[in-house]
């Protein structure tokens, strides 16, 4: 999903996945892949970023 968000730019996707994001409560997206709830939060954020809906 992150690759699609960054048009298959592996470096950009990796950087985004490893940076703490305020939209995720200061957690990194990659750290939020261990539970379905956290993964869903990351997937929802990616969806909002892809469509330009930020709230």
Protein backbone atom coordinates (compact mmCIF):
# COMPACT_ATOMS: atom_id res chain seq x y z
CA UNK A 1 0.00 0.00 0.00
CA UNK A 2 2.85 2.38 0.83
CA UNK A 3 4.52 1.58 -2.48
CA UNK A 4 1.36 2.49 -4.33
CA UNK A 5 1.09 5.72 -2.33
CA UNK A 6 4.62 6.64 -3.43
CA UNK A 7 4.30 5.42 -7.03
CA UNK A 8 6.59 2.42 -6.50
CA UNK A 9 9.39 4.57 -5.06
CA UNK A 10 10.84 2.07 -2.57
CA UNK A 11 13.05 4.61 -0.81
CA UNK A 12 10.21 7.08 -0.26
CA UNK A 13 7.88 4.33 0.98
CA UNK A 14 10.53 2.97 3.35
CA UNK A 15 11.24 6.44 4.70
CA UNK A 16 7.53 7.14 5.25
CA UNK A 17 7.00 3.80 6.97
CA UNK A 18 9.86 4.44 9.40
CA UNK A 19 9.05 8.02 10.45
CA UNK A 20 6.86 8.83 13.45
CA UNK A 21 3.63 10.42 12.24
CA UNK A 22 1.39 12.71 14.25
CA UNK A 23 -1.62 11.19 12.46
CA UNK A 24 -0.69 7.90 14.13
CA UNK A 25 -0.10 9.33 17.57
CA UNK A 26 3.63 9.71 17.00
CA UNK A 27 4.11 6.06 16.07
CA UNK A 28 5.80 4.83 12.93
CA UNK A 29 3.57 3.09 10.39
CA UNK A 30 5.90 0.05 10.32
CA UNK A 31 5.53 -0.39 14.08
CA UNK A 32 1.77 -0.58 13.66
CA UNK A 33 1.65 -3.80 11.68
CA UNK A 34 1.40 -6.18 14.62
CA UNK A 35 -2.32 -5.93 15.35
CA UNK A 36 -5.30 -5.74 13.03
CA UNK A 37 -6.49 -2.54 14.71
CA UNK A 38 -3.17 -0.75 14.22
CA UNK A 39 -2.76 -2.07 10.68
CA UNK A 40 -6.25 -0.79 9.86
CA UNK A 41 -5.29 2.66 11.18
CA UNK A 42 -2.28 2.74 8.84
CA UNK A 43 -4.33 1.47 5.90
CA UNK A 44 -6.99 4.11 6.59
CA UNK A 45 -4.35 6.84 6.72
CA UNK A 46 -2.90 5.70 3.39
CA UNK A 47 -6.38 5.73 1.89
CA UNK A 48 -6.99 9.26 3.15
CA UNK A 49 -3.65 10.44 1.78
CA UNK A 50 -4.38 8.89 -1.62
CA UNK A 51 -7.76 10.62 -1.87
CA UNK A 52 -6.79 13.91 -0.22
CA UNK A 53 -9.13 13.47 2.75
CA UNK A 54 -7.20 14.40 5.88
CA UNK A 55 -9.94 14.56 8.54
